[in-house]
């Protein structure tokens, strides 16, 4: 089964203490792109060296490349840039992490988050549609919909394997760590699909989910 068939999210167990939905989004998109035939998606998988050179062509200063053991990915540290160059830098970087001066990092992260959210939602719609689940996703209205009840509806449409996934002391917006820990490694197909379904359905509904990790952040 290809990455387009499943959204593999189980790697979050051994990362940072609390990981937001957007933080889990990057490797998910990379998995999709690695198996997708579309050339525009494959273009995002450039080498860090090629990405660094493309960033300098945006007019930015020198780029330092380092490997981050915690993130398990390369980080492109851009020393000098301007706000007007952020969009170009984001495109040039592909899917690599980019580190900018503090006054520019927030703007860059907003550009990237908007791009990835749109891509993820489109893939989530396709995943749910292929399984006849898209029309079953409940409507969520912030400030109006009862979150606990809504999370129960998400579990219900995602099947028996998803039962209890959103019920814990961390609230209905977090994947229950105890539920995750019960999933064997490698995960069974039904468990894999349950996580994929929950994340896809939540994305389509506009209901942000997060993961609670089980490791402390290293000093």
N, C-alpha and C. Protein backbone atom coordinates (compact mmCIF):
# COMPACT_ATOMS: atom_id res chain seq x y z
N UNK A 1 0.86 -1.20 0.00
CA UNK A 1 0.00 0.00 0.00
C UNK A 1 0.88 1.23 0.00
N UNK A 2 0.59 2.19 -0.87
CA UNK A 2 1.43 3.37 -1.01
C UNK A 2 1.10 4.41 0.04
N UNK A 3 1.95 5.46 0.08
CA UNK A 3 1.71 6.54 1.04
C UNK A 3 0.44 7.29 0.73
N UNK A 4 -0.01 7.26 -0.53
CA UNK A 4 -1.29 7.90 -0.86
C UNK A 4 -2.46 7.17 -0.24
N UNK A 5 -2.27 5.91 0.09
CA UNK A 5 -3.36 5.12 0.67
C UNK A 5 -3.48 5.31 2.17
N UNK A 6 -2.38 5.63 2.82
CA UNK A 6 -2.43 5.78 4.27
C UNK A 6 -1.68 7.01 4.71
N UNK A 7 -2.10 7.63 5.80
CA UNK A 7 -1.39 8.74 6.40
C UNK A 7 -0.69 8.19 7.63
N UNK A 8 0.59 7.91 7.52
CA UNK A 8 1.28 7.26 8.62
C UNK A 8 1.73 8.31 9.64
N UNK A 9 1.13 8.26 10.81
CA UNK A 9 1.39 9.28 11.82
C UNK A 9 1.97 8.72 13.11
N UNK A 10 2.34 7.47 13.11
CA UNK A 10 2.74 6.85 14.36
C UNK A 10 4.13 7.28 14.82
N UNK A 11 4.91 7.90 13.99
CA UNK A 11 6.24 8.34 14.38
C UNK A 11 6.24 9.42 15.43
N UNK A 12 5.09 10.01 15.69
CA UNK A 12 5.04 11.09 16.67
C UNK A 12 5.26 10.59 18.10
N UNK A 13 5.22 9.30 18.33
CA UNK A 13 5.38 8.80 19.70
C UNK A 13 6.72 9.19 20.30
N UNK A 14 7.76 9.21 19.49
CA UNK A 14 9.10 9.40 20.04
C UNK A 14 9.69 10.75 19.66
N UNK A 15 8.87 11.79 19.68
CA UNK A 15 9.40 13.10 19.36
C UNK A 15 9.26 14.01 20.56
N UNK A 16 8.80 15.24 20.37
CA UNK A 16 8.75 16.18 21.48
C UNK A 16 7.54 15.96 22.36
N UNK A 17 7.54 16.64 23.51
CA UNK A 17 6.51 16.42 24.52
C UNK A 17 5.12 16.72 24.01
N UNK A 18 4.92 17.86 23.41
CA UNK A 18 3.63 18.21 22.84
C UNK A 18 3.85 18.64 21.40
N UNK A 19 3.16 18.02 20.49
CA UNK A 19 3.35 18.32 19.08
C UNK A 19 2.02 18.73 18.48
N UNK A 20 1.97 19.88 17.87
CA UNK A 20 0.74 20.37 17.28
C UNK A 20 0.44 19.64 15.99
N UNK A 21 -0.78 19.81 15.51
CA UNK A 21 -1.19 19.17 14.27
C UNK A 21 -0.30 19.60 13.11
N UNK A 22 0.05 20.90 13.03
CA UNK A 22 0.88 21.37 11.93
C UNK A 22 2.26 20.75 11.97
N UNK A 23 2.77 20.46 13.15
CA UNK A 23 4.09 19.85 13.25
C UNK A 23 4.08 18.44 12.68
N UNK A 24 2.97 17.76 12.76
CA UNK A 24 2.88 16.41 12.20
C UNK A 24 2.58 16.46 10.72
N UNK A 25 2.20 17.62 10.24
CA UNK A 25 1.77 17.75 8.86
C UNK A 25 2.90 17.59 7.87
N UNK A 26 4.10 18.08 8.18
CA UNK A 26 5.19 18.10 7.22
C UNK A 26 5.58 16.70 6.74
N UNK A 27 5.86 15.73 7.65
CA UNK A 27 6.21 14.41 7.15
C UNK A 27 5.08 13.72 6.43
N UNK A 28 3.84 14.04 6.79
CA UNK A 28 2.71 13.45 6.09
C UNK A 28 2.71 13.88 4.63
N UNK A 29 2.92 15.17 4.39
CA UNK A 29 2.94 15.68 3.02
C UNK A 29 4.10 15.08 2.24
N UNK A 30 5.26 14.93 2.89
CA UNK A 30 6.40 14.33 2.21
C UNK A 30 6.08 12.91 1.78
N UNK A 31 5.41 12.14 2.63
CA UNK A 31 5.03 10.78 2.26
C UNK A 31 4.12 10.78 1.06
N UNK A 32 3.13 11.66 1.05
CA UNK A 32 2.23 11.74 -0.10
C UNK A 32 3.01 12.08 -1.36
N UNK A 33 3.89 13.08 -1.28
CA UNK A 33 4.59 13.56 -2.45
C UNK A 33 5.56 12.54 -3.00
N UNK A 34 6.15 11.73 -2.13
CA UNK A 34 7.14 10.76 -2.58
C UNK A 34 6.52 9.69 -3.46
N UNK A 35 5.20 9.49 -3.36
CA UNK A 35 4.55 8.46 -4.16
C UNK A 35 3.67 9.05 -5.24
N UNK A 36 3.53 10.37 -5.25
CA UNK A 36 2.65 10.99 -6.23
C UNK A 36 3.39 11.21 -7.54
N UNK A 37 2.74 10.99 -8.68
CA UNK A 37 3.40 11.14 -9.97
C UNK A 37 3.51 12.58 -10.42
N UNK A 38 2.81 13.49 -9.75
CA UNK A 38 2.78 14.87 -10.20
C UNK A 38 4.15 15.52 -10.03
N UNK A 39 4.69 16.10 -11.11
CA UNK A 39 6.04 16.67 -11.09
C UNK A 39 6.14 17.85 -10.14
N UNK A 40 5.07 18.62 -10.02
CA UNK A 40 5.12 19.79 -9.14
C UNK A 40 5.28 19.38 -7.70
N UNK A 41 4.74 18.21 -7.31
CA UNK A 41 4.91 17.73 -5.94
C UNK A 41 6.30 17.16 -5.74
N UNK A 42 6.81 16.42 -6.73
CA UNK A 42 8.14 15.86 -6.61
C UNK A 42 9.19 16.95 -6.51
N UNK A 43 8.91 18.13 -7.07
CA UNK A 43 9.87 19.22 -7.05
C UNK A 43 10.15 19.69 -5.64
N UNK A 44 9.22 19.42 -4.71
CA UNK A 44 9.42 19.83 -3.33
C UNK A 44 10.47 19.01 -2.62
N UNK A 45 10.91 17.89 -3.21
CA UNK A 45 11.85 16.99 -2.57
C UNK A 45 13.28 17.22 -3.05
N UNK A 46 13.66 18.47 -3.22
CA UNK A 46 15.02 18.80 -3.65
C UNK A 46 15.99 18.54 -2.51
N UNK A 47 17.27 18.36 -2.84
CA UNK A 47 18.29 18.16 -1.81
C UNK A 47 18.47 19.44 -1.03
N UNK A 48 18.95 19.36 0.22
CA UNK A 48 19.16 20.58 1.00
C UNK A 48 20.16 21.52 0.34
N UNK A 49 21.17 20.95 -0.34
CA UNK A 49 22.16 21.79 -1.01
C UNK A 49 21.53 22.58 -2.17
N UNK A 50 20.68 21.89 -2.94
CA UNK A 50 20.01 22.56 -4.06
C UNK A 50 19.04 23.61 -3.54
N UNK A 51 18.33 23.28 -2.45
CA UNK A 51 17.39 24.23 -1.87
C UNK A 51 18.12 25.47 -1.36
N UNK A 52 19.28 25.27 -0.73
CA UNK A 52 20.05 26.39 -0.21
C UNK A 52 20.49 27.32 -1.33
N UNK A 53 20.92 26.73 -2.44
CA UNK A 53 21.33 27.56 -3.58
C UNK A 53 20.15 28.33 -4.16
N UNK A 54 19.00 27.69 -4.22
CA UNK A 54 17.82 28.36 -4.74
C UNK A 54 17.39 29.51 -3.82
N UNK A 55 17.59 29.34 -2.52
CA UNK A 55 17.24 30.40 -1.57
C UNK A 55 18.11 31.63 -1.80
N UNK A 56 19.40 31.41 -2.05
CA UNK A 56 20.27 32.56 -2.31
C UNK A 56 19.87 33.27 -3.59
N UNK A 57 19.29 32.55 -4.53
CA UNK A 57 18.82 33.17 -5.76
C UNK A 57 17.61 34.06 -5.53
N UNK A 58 16.98 33.92 -4.36
CA UNK A 58 15.87 34.81 -3.99
C UNK A 58 16.40 36.18 -3.53
N UNK A 59 17.73 36.25 -3.37
CA UNK A 59 18.32 37.48 -2.89
C UNK A 59 18.73 37.43 -1.44
N UNK A 60 18.50 36.28 -0.79
CA UNK A 60 18.85 36.12 0.63
C UNK A 60 20.36 35.92 0.77
N UNK A 61 20.83 36.04 2.01
CA UNK A 61 22.24 35.85 2.27
C UNK A 61 22.62 34.38 2.32
N UNK A 62 23.82 34.11 2.85
CA UNK A 62 24.33 32.74 2.90
C UNK A 62 23.40 31.84 3.72
N UNK A 63 23.35 30.57 3.33
CA UNK A 63 22.49 29.59 4.00
C UNK A 63 23.35 28.51 4.64
N UNK A 64 23.17 28.29 5.91
CA UNK A 64 23.89 27.25 6.63
C UNK A 64 23.01 26.00 6.71
N UNK A 65 23.55 24.86 6.33
CA UNK A 65 22.79 23.61 6.34
C UNK A 65 23.24 22.76 7.54
N UNK A 66 22.29 22.31 8.35
CA UNK A 66 22.64 21.42 9.45
C UNK A 66 21.56 20.35 9.59
N UNK A 67 21.92 19.25 10.20
CA UNK A 67 20.96 18.17 10.44
C UNK A 67 20.51 18.23 11.88
N UNK A 68 19.20 18.26 12.09
CA UNK A 68 18.64 18.32 13.44
C UNK A 68 18.21 16.91 13.86
N UNK A 69 18.88 16.37 14.89
CA UNK A 69 18.58 15.01 15.33
C UNK A 69 17.18 14.87 15.90
N UNK A 70 16.67 15.93 16.56
CA UNK A 70 15.34 15.86 17.14
C UNK A 70 14.28 15.83 16.06
N UNK A 71 14.42 16.73 15.08
CA UNK A 71 13.46 16.78 13.97
C UNK A 71 13.70 15.68 12.95
N UNK A 72 14.91 15.10 12.97
CA UNK A 72 15.30 14.09 11.99
C UNK A 72 15.18 14.61 10.57
N UNK A 73 15.64 15.82 10.39
CA UNK A 73 15.59 16.44 9.07
C UNK A 73 16.61 17.58 9.01
N UNK A 74 16.86 18.05 7.79
CA UNK A 74 17.79 19.16 7.61
C UNK A 74 17.11 20.49 7.90
N UNK A 75 17.91 21.42 8.40
CA UNK A 75 17.44 22.77 8.66
C UNK A 75 18.30 23.73 7.83
N UNK A 76 17.65 24.62 7.12
CA UNK A 76 18.34 25.62 6.31
C UNK A 76 18.27 26.94 7.07
N UNK A 77 19.39 27.37 7.62
CA UNK A 77 19.44 28.60 8.40
C UNK A 77 19.84 29.75 7.48
N UNK A 78 18.91 30.67 7.28
CA UNK A 78 19.13 31.80 6.39
C UNK A 78 19.57 33.00 7.23
N UNK A 79 20.74 33.52 6.97
CA UNK A 79 21.30 34.58 7.81
C UNK A 79 20.68 35.94 7.52
N UNK A 80 20.55 36.29 6.27
CA UNK A 80 20.05 37.62 5.90
C UNK A 80 18.93 37.48 4.88
N UNK A 81 17.81 38.13 5.14
CA UNK A 81 16.68 38.09 4.23
C UNK A 81 15.78 39.28 4.51
N UNK A 82 14.81 39.50 3.65
CA UNK A 82 13.83 40.57 3.86
C UNK A 82 12.44 39.96 3.82
N UNK A 83 11.48 40.70 4.33
CA UNK A 83 10.10 40.21 4.33
C UNK A 83 9.60 39.95 2.92
N UNK A 84 10.04 40.78 1.98
CA UNK A 84 9.59 40.63 0.60
C UNK A 84 10.10 39.34 -0.04
N UNK A 85 11.15 38.74 0.54
CA UNK A 85 11.73 37.52 -0.02
C UNK A 85 11.14 36.24 0.56
N UNK A 86 10.29 36.35 1.56
CA UNK A 86 9.81 35.17 2.28
C UNK A 86 9.08 34.17 1.39
N UNK A 87 8.21 34.65 0.52
CA UNK A 87 7.46 33.74 -0.35
C UNK A 87 8.42 32.97 -1.26
N UNK A 88 9.39 33.68 -1.82
CA UNK A 88 10.38 33.03 -2.69
C UNK A 88 11.19 32.00 -1.91
N UNK A 89 11.59 32.36 -0.69
CA UNK A 89 12.37 31.44 0.14
C UNK A 89 11.57 30.19 0.46
N UNK A 90 10.29 30.36 0.77
CA UNK A 90 9.46 29.20 1.11
C UNK A 90 9.37 28.26 -0.09
N UNK A 91 9.17 28.80 -1.26
CA UNK A 91 9.09 27.97 -2.46
C UNK A 91 10.42 27.29 -2.75
N UNK A 92 11.50 28.03 -2.62
CA UNK A 92 12.83 27.49 -2.91
C UNK A 92 13.23 26.37 -1.94
N UNK A 93 12.77 26.47 -0.70
CA UNK A 93 13.17 25.50 0.33
C UNK A 93 12.54 24.13 0.15
N UNK A 94 11.52 24.02 -0.69
CA UNK A 94 10.83 22.75 -0.81
C UNK A 94 10.20 22.38 0.52
N UNK A 95 10.45 21.14 1.00
CA UNK A 95 9.88 20.71 2.27
C UNK A 95 10.89 20.77 3.42
N UNK A 96 12.04 21.39 3.18
CA UNK A 96 13.04 21.49 4.23
C UNK A 96 12.66 22.55 5.25
N UNK A 97 13.05 22.34 6.50
CA UNK A 97 12.82 23.32 7.55
C UNK A 97 13.71 24.53 7.31
N UNK A 98 13.16 25.71 7.57
CA UNK A 98 13.91 26.95 7.37
C UNK A 98 13.96 27.74 8.67
N UNK A 99 15.15 28.20 9.01
CA UNK A 99 15.35 29.01 10.21
C UNK A 99 15.76 30.41 9.77
N UNK A 100 15.02 31.40 10.21
CA UNK A 100 15.24 32.78 9.83
C UNK A 100 15.45 33.64 11.08
N UNK A 101 15.91 34.89 10.92
CA UNK A 101 15.96 35.79 12.07
C UNK A 101 14.58 35.89 12.70
N UNK A 102 14.51 36.05 14.03
CA UNK A 102 13.23 36.05 14.76
C UNK A 102 12.17 36.98 14.18
N UNK A 103 12.57 38.14 13.70
CA UNK A 103 11.59 39.10 13.18
C UNK A 103 10.96 38.65 11.87
N UNK A 104 11.54 37.62 11.22
CA UNK A 104 11.01 37.12 9.96
C UNK A 104 10.39 35.73 10.09
N UNK A 105 10.74 35.02 11.16
CA UNK A 105 10.31 33.62 11.28
C UNK A 105 8.79 33.48 11.32
N UNK A 106 8.12 34.33 12.07
CA UNK A 106 6.67 34.22 12.18
C UNK A 106 5.99 34.38 10.83
N UNK A 107 6.41 35.37 10.06
CA UNK A 107 5.81 35.58 8.74
C UNK A 107 6.05 34.41 7.81
N UNK A 108 7.26 33.85 7.88
CA UNK A 108 7.57 32.67 7.06
C UNK A 108 6.70 31.49 7.47
N UNK A 109 6.59 31.26 8.77
CA UNK A 109 5.79 30.13 9.26
C UNK A 109 4.33 30.26 8.85
N UNK A 110 3.81 31.47 8.82
CA UNK A 110 2.42 31.68 8.41
C UNK A 110 2.23 31.35 6.94
N UNK A 111 3.20 31.74 6.11
CA UNK A 111 3.15 31.41 4.68
C UNK A 111 3.16 29.90 4.48
N UNK A 112 4.07 29.24 5.19
CA UNK A 112 4.20 27.79 5.05
C UNK A 112 2.99 27.05 5.59
N UNK A 113 2.47 27.50 6.73
CA UNK A 113 1.31 26.84 7.32
C UNK A 113 0.10 26.92 6.40
N UNK A 114 -0.09 28.08 5.78
CA UNK A 114 -1.22 28.25 4.87
C UNK A 114 -1.08 27.32 3.67
N UNK A 115 0.12 27.21 3.14
CA UNK A 115 0.37 26.33 1.99
C UNK A 115 0.13 24.87 2.34
N UNK A 116 0.72 24.42 3.44
CA UNK A 116 0.61 23.03 3.82
C UNK A 116 -0.82 22.66 4.23
N UNK A 117 -1.50 23.59 4.89
CA UNK A 117 -2.87 23.31 5.29
C UNK A 117 -3.76 23.08 4.08
N UNK A 118 -3.55 23.89 3.04
CA UNK A 118 -4.34 23.74 1.82
C UNK A 118 -4.05 22.41 1.14
N UNK A 119 -2.77 22.05 1.07
CA UNK A 119 -2.39 20.78 0.45
C UNK A 119 -2.94 19.61 1.25
N UNK A 120 -2.80 19.69 2.58
CA UNK A 120 -3.27 18.61 3.43
C UNK A 120 -4.78 18.43 3.31
N UNK A 121 -5.51 19.55 3.29
CA UNK A 121 -6.96 19.44 3.22
C UNK A 121 -7.39 18.79 1.90
N UNK A 122 -6.73 19.15 0.82
CA UNK A 122 -7.06 18.55 -0.48
C UNK A 122 -6.80 17.04 -0.45
N UNK A 123 -5.69 16.64 0.15
CA UNK A 123 -5.39 15.21 0.25
C UNK A 123 -6.36 14.51 1.19
N UNK A 124 -6.76 15.21 2.25
CA UNK A 124 -7.73 14.63 3.19
C UNK A 124 -9.07 14.39 2.51
N UNK A 125 -9.51 15.36 1.71
CA UNK A 125 -10.76 15.22 0.95
C UNK A 125 -10.68 14.01 0.03
N UNK A 126 -9.54 13.87 -0.66
CA UNK A 126 -9.38 12.75 -1.58
C UNK A 126 -9.38 11.41 -0.82
N UNK A 127 -8.70 11.37 0.33
CA UNK A 127 -8.63 10.13 1.12
C UNK A 127 -10.02 9.71 1.57
N UNK A 128 -10.79 10.67 2.09
CA UNK A 128 -12.14 10.36 2.57
C UNK A 128 -13.08 10.00 1.42
N UNK A 129 -12.94 10.68 0.31
CA UNK A 129 -13.81 10.42 -0.85
C UNK A 129 -13.61 9.01 -1.36
N UNK A 130 -12.36 8.57 -1.41
CA UNK A 130 -12.07 7.22 -1.91
C UNK A 130 -12.73 6.14 -1.06
N UNK A 131 -13.03 6.46 0.18
CA UNK A 131 -13.60 5.48 1.10
C UNK A 131 -15.06 5.74 1.41
N UNK A 132 -15.66 6.68 0.67
CA UNK A 132 -17.07 6.98 0.85
C UNK A 132 -17.40 7.62 2.18
N UNK A 133 -16.43 8.32 2.77
CA UNK A 133 -16.63 8.91 4.10
C UNK A 133 -16.80 10.42 4.08
N UNK A 134 -16.51 11.07 2.97
CA UNK A 134 -16.51 12.52 2.95
C UNK A 134 -17.85 13.11 3.37
N UNK A 135 -18.94 12.58 2.85
CA UNK A 135 -20.27 13.11 3.18
C UNK A 135 -20.69 12.80 4.61
N UNK A 136 -19.95 11.94 5.28
CA UNK A 136 -20.30 11.58 6.65
C UNK A 136 -19.60 12.46 7.70
N UNK A 137 -18.65 13.29 7.25
CA UNK A 137 -17.92 14.15 8.18
C UNK A 137 -18.89 15.16 8.79
N UNK A 138 -19.02 15.21 10.11
CA UNK A 138 -19.97 16.13 10.73
C UNK A 138 -19.52 17.58 10.61
N UNK A 139 -20.47 18.49 10.72
CA UNK A 139 -20.18 19.92 10.64
C UNK A 139 -19.69 20.42 11.99
N UNK A 140 -18.62 21.20 11.95
CA UNK A 140 -18.10 21.79 13.19
C UNK A 140 -18.13 23.31 13.08
N UNK A 141 -18.73 23.96 14.06
CA UNK A 141 -18.77 25.43 14.12
C UNK A 141 -18.12 25.87 15.43
N UNK A 142 -16.96 26.53 15.29
CA UNK A 142 -16.23 26.99 16.47
C UNK A 142 -17.11 27.86 17.34
N UNK A 143 -17.10 27.58 18.64
CA UNK A 143 -17.88 28.36 19.57
C UNK A 143 -19.33 27.92 19.69
N UNK A 144 -19.78 27.05 18.81
CA UNK A 144 -21.15 26.57 18.83
C UNK A 144 -21.24 25.06 19.05
N UNK A 145 -20.39 24.31 18.32
CA UNK A 145 -20.45 22.85 18.39
C UNK A 145 -19.81 22.35 19.68
N UNK A 146 -20.47 21.41 20.33
CA UNK A 146 -19.91 20.77 21.52
C UNK A 146 -18.73 19.89 21.08
N UNK A 147 -17.54 20.21 21.54
CA UNK A 147 -16.34 19.52 21.07
C UNK A 147 -16.29 18.06 21.48
N UNK A 148 -16.74 17.77 22.68
CA UNK A 148 -16.73 16.38 23.14
C UNK A 148 -17.66 15.52 22.30
N UNK A 149 -18.85 16.05 22.02
CA UNK A 149 -19.80 15.31 21.19
C UNK A 149 -19.28 15.17 19.76
N UNK A 150 -18.66 16.23 19.28
CA UNK A 150 -18.12 16.20 17.91
C UNK A 150 -17.02 15.16 17.78
N UNK A 151 -16.12 15.11 18.76
CA UNK A 151 -15.04 14.12 18.70
C UNK A 151 -15.59 12.70 18.71
N UNK A 152 -16.69 12.50 19.43
CA UNK A 152 -17.33 11.19 19.42
C UNK A 152 -17.87 10.83 18.04
N UNK A 153 -18.39 11.83 17.33
CA UNK A 153 -18.88 11.59 15.97
C UNK A 153 -17.74 11.23 15.05
N UNK A 154 -16.58 11.89 15.22
CA UNK A 154 -15.43 11.56 14.40
C UNK A 154 -15.01 10.11 14.63
N UNK A 155 -14.95 9.70 15.88
CA UNK A 155 -14.59 8.32 16.18
C UNK A 155 -15.57 7.35 15.52
N UNK A 156 -16.85 7.69 15.56
CA UNK A 156 -17.88 6.80 15.02
C UNK A 156 -17.72 6.59 13.52
N UNK A 157 -17.46 7.67 12.77
CA UNK A 157 -17.36 7.51 11.31
C UNK A 157 -16.06 6.80 10.92
N UNK A 158 -15.06 6.83 11.83
CA UNK A 158 -13.78 6.21 11.51
C UNK A 158 -13.71 4.74 11.93
N UNK A 159 -14.78 4.21 12.48
CA UNK A 159 -14.86 2.79 12.74
C UNK A 159 -14.46 2.37 14.14
N UNK A 160 -14.66 1.10 14.47
CA UNK A 160 -14.42 0.58 15.82
C UNK A 160 -12.99 0.80 16.32
N UNK A 161 -12.02 0.76 15.42
CA UNK A 161 -10.63 0.91 15.84
C UNK A 161 -10.34 2.31 16.37
N UNK A 162 -11.19 3.29 16.02
CA UNK A 162 -10.97 4.67 16.46
C UNK A 162 -11.62 4.97 17.81
N UNK A 163 -12.37 4.02 18.36
CA UNK A 163 -13.08 4.26 19.62
C UNK A 163 -12.10 4.61 20.75
N UNK A 164 -12.34 5.74 21.41
CA UNK A 164 -11.51 6.17 22.52
C UNK A 164 -10.31 7.02 22.12
N UNK A 165 -10.12 7.21 20.83
CA UNK A 165 -8.93 7.94 20.36
C UNK A 165 -8.92 9.40 20.79
N UNK A 166 -10.11 9.99 20.99
CA UNK A 166 -10.19 11.41 21.34
C UNK A 166 -10.77 11.62 22.73
N UNK A 167 -10.65 10.61 23.57
CA UNK A 167 -11.19 10.69 24.93
C UNK A 167 -10.07 10.48 25.94
N UNK A 168 -9.63 11.57 26.54
CA UNK A 168 -8.58 11.49 27.55
C UNK A 168 -8.58 12.77 28.38
N UNK A 169 -7.70 12.83 29.35
CA UNK A 169 -7.59 14.01 30.21
C UNK A 169 -7.13 15.24 29.43
N UNK A 170 -6.60 15.02 28.22
CA UNK A 170 -6.10 16.13 27.41
C UNK A 170 -7.19 16.78 26.58
N UNK A 171 -8.39 16.26 26.64
CA UNK A 171 -9.50 16.87 25.93
C UNK A 171 -9.74 16.29 24.55
N UNK A 172 -10.84 16.67 23.92
CA UNK A 172 -11.24 16.08 22.64
C UNK A 172 -10.40 16.51 21.44
N UNK A 173 -9.48 17.46 21.63
CA UNK A 173 -8.65 17.90 20.51
C UNK A 173 -7.28 17.23 20.48
N UNK A 174 -7.07 16.27 21.35
CA UNK A 174 -5.79 15.56 21.41
C UNK A 174 -6.01 14.07 21.22
N UNK A 175 -5.11 13.45 20.44
CA UNK A 175 -5.15 12.00 20.30
C UNK A 175 -4.74 11.40 21.65
N UNK A 176 -5.56 10.53 22.19
CA UNK A 176 -5.33 9.91 23.49
C UNK A 176 -4.02 9.12 23.49
N UNK A 177 -3.02 9.53 24.29
CA UNK A 177 -1.74 8.80 24.32
C UNK A 177 -1.90 7.32 24.69
N UNK A 178 -2.81 7.04 25.62
CA UNK A 178 -3.03 5.65 26.03
C UNK A 178 -3.58 4.83 24.86
N UNK A 179 -4.43 5.46 24.07
CA UNK A 179 -4.98 4.77 22.88
C UNK A 179 -3.86 4.48 21.88
N UNK A 180 -2.98 5.46 21.67
CA UNK A 180 -1.86 5.26 20.75
C UNK A 180 -0.92 4.16 21.22
N UNK A 181 -0.67 4.11 22.52
CA UNK A 181 0.27 3.14 23.06
C UNK A 181 -0.22 1.71 22.91
N UNK A 182 -1.52 1.54 22.75
CA UNK A 182 -2.07 0.19 22.58
C UNK A 182 -1.90 -0.33 21.15
N UNK A 183 -1.53 0.57 20.24
CA UNK A 183 -1.38 0.17 18.84
C UNK A 183 -0.05 -0.54 18.67
N UNK A 184 -0.04 -1.74 18.14
CA UNK A 184 1.22 -2.48 17.98
C UNK A 184 2.08 -1.86 16.87
N UNK A 185 3.37 -2.10 16.94
CA UNK A 185 4.28 -1.66 15.90
C UNK A 185 4.90 -2.89 15.24
N UNK A 186 4.81 -3.03 13.94
CA UNK A 186 4.10 -2.12 13.04
C UNK A 186 2.60 -2.16 13.27
N UNK A 187 1.91 -1.05 13.00
CA UNK A 187 0.47 -1.01 13.27
C UNK A 187 -0.32 -1.92 12.34
N UNK A 188 -1.44 -2.37 12.83
CA UNK A 188 -2.36 -3.12 11.99
C UNK A 188 -3.02 -2.16 11.00
N UNK A 189 -3.53 -2.70 9.91
CA UNK A 189 -4.15 -1.85 8.89
C UNK A 189 -5.31 -1.05 9.47
N UNK A 190 -6.10 -1.67 10.34
CA UNK A 190 -7.27 -0.98 10.89
C UNK A 190 -6.87 0.17 11.82
N UNK A 191 -5.74 0.01 12.53
CA UNK A 191 -5.26 1.09 13.39
C UNK A 191 -4.69 2.23 12.55
N UNK A 192 -3.93 1.86 11.55
CA UNK A 192 -3.35 2.83 10.64
C UNK A 192 -4.45 3.67 10.00
N UNK A 193 -5.48 2.99 9.52
CA UNK A 193 -6.58 3.70 8.87
C UNK A 193 -7.38 4.54 9.85
N UNK A 194 -7.46 4.10 11.11
CA UNK A 194 -8.21 4.87 12.10
C UNK A 194 -7.56 6.23 12.34
N UNK A 195 -6.23 6.25 12.50
CA UNK A 195 -5.53 7.51 12.70
C UNK A 195 -5.65 8.38 11.45
N UNK A 196 -5.46 7.76 10.29
CA UNK A 196 -5.58 8.49 9.03
C UNK A 196 -6.95 9.13 8.89
N UNK A 197 -7.97 8.36 9.21
CA UNK A 197 -9.34 8.85 9.09
C UNK A 197 -9.60 10.00 10.04
N UNK A 198 -9.18 9.87 11.29
CA UNK A 198 -9.40 10.92 12.28
C UNK A 198 -8.73 12.22 11.85
N UNK A 199 -7.49 12.14 11.39
CA UNK A 199 -6.77 13.34 10.98
C UNK A 199 -7.40 13.96 9.74
N UNK A 200 -7.78 13.13 8.79
CA UNK A 200 -8.38 13.64 7.56
C UNK A 200 -9.74 14.28 7.82
N UNK A 201 -10.57 13.59 8.60
CA UNK A 201 -11.90 14.11 8.89
C UNK A 201 -11.83 15.41 9.70
N UNK A 202 -10.91 15.45 10.66
CA UNK A 202 -10.75 16.66 11.47
C UNK A 202 -10.30 17.83 10.60
N UNK A 203 -9.41 17.56 9.65
CA UNK A 203 -8.93 18.61 8.76
C UNK A 203 -10.06 19.17 7.91
N UNK A 204 -10.85 18.28 7.33
CA UNK A 204 -11.97 18.71 6.48
C UNK A 204 -12.98 19.52 7.28
N UNK A 205 -13.18 19.14 8.53
CA UNK A 205 -14.16 19.82 9.38
C UNK A 205 -13.62 21.12 9.97
N UNK A 206 -12.30 21.32 9.90
CA UNK A 206 -11.71 22.50 10.52
C UNK A 206 -11.56 22.36 12.03
N UNK A 207 -11.37 21.13 12.48
CA UNK A 207 -11.24 20.81 13.90
C UNK A 207 -9.80 20.38 14.15
N UNK A 208 -8.97 21.26 14.70
CA UNK A 208 -7.55 20.97 14.85
C UNK A 208 -7.29 19.93 15.93
N UNK A 209 -6.51 18.91 15.56
CA UNK A 209 -6.13 17.86 16.50
C UNK A 209 -4.64 17.96 16.81
N UNK A 210 -4.25 17.48 17.97
CA UNK A 210 -2.84 17.47 18.35
C UNK A 210 -2.44 16.12 18.91
N UNK A 211 -1.14 15.90 19.06
CA UNK A 211 -0.60 14.68 19.64
C UNK A 211 0.15 15.02 20.92
N UNK A 212 0.10 14.14 21.87
CA UNK A 212 0.87 14.25 23.09
C UNK A 212 1.97 13.22 23.03
N UNK A 213 3.22 13.65 22.99
CA UNK A 213 4.33 12.72 22.89
C UNK A 213 4.64 12.08 24.23
N UNK A 214 5.60 11.16 24.23
CA UNK A 214 5.94 10.48 25.48
C UNK A 214 7.42 10.60 25.82
N UNK A 215 8.08 11.60 25.25
CA UNK A 215 9.47 11.84 25.57
C UNK A 215 9.67 13.28 25.96
N UNK A 216 10.57 13.52 26.87
CA UNK A 216 10.91 14.88 27.26
C UNK A 216 11.77 15.51 26.19
N UNK A 217 11.69 16.81 26.04
CA UNK A 217 12.54 17.51 25.10
C UNK A 217 13.97 17.46 25.64
N UNK A 218 14.96 17.04 24.83
CA UNK A 218 16.32 16.94 25.31
C UNK A 218 16.89 18.30 25.65
N UNK A 219 17.77 18.35 26.68
CA UNK A 219 18.35 19.62 27.10
C UNK A 219 19.45 20.03 26.14
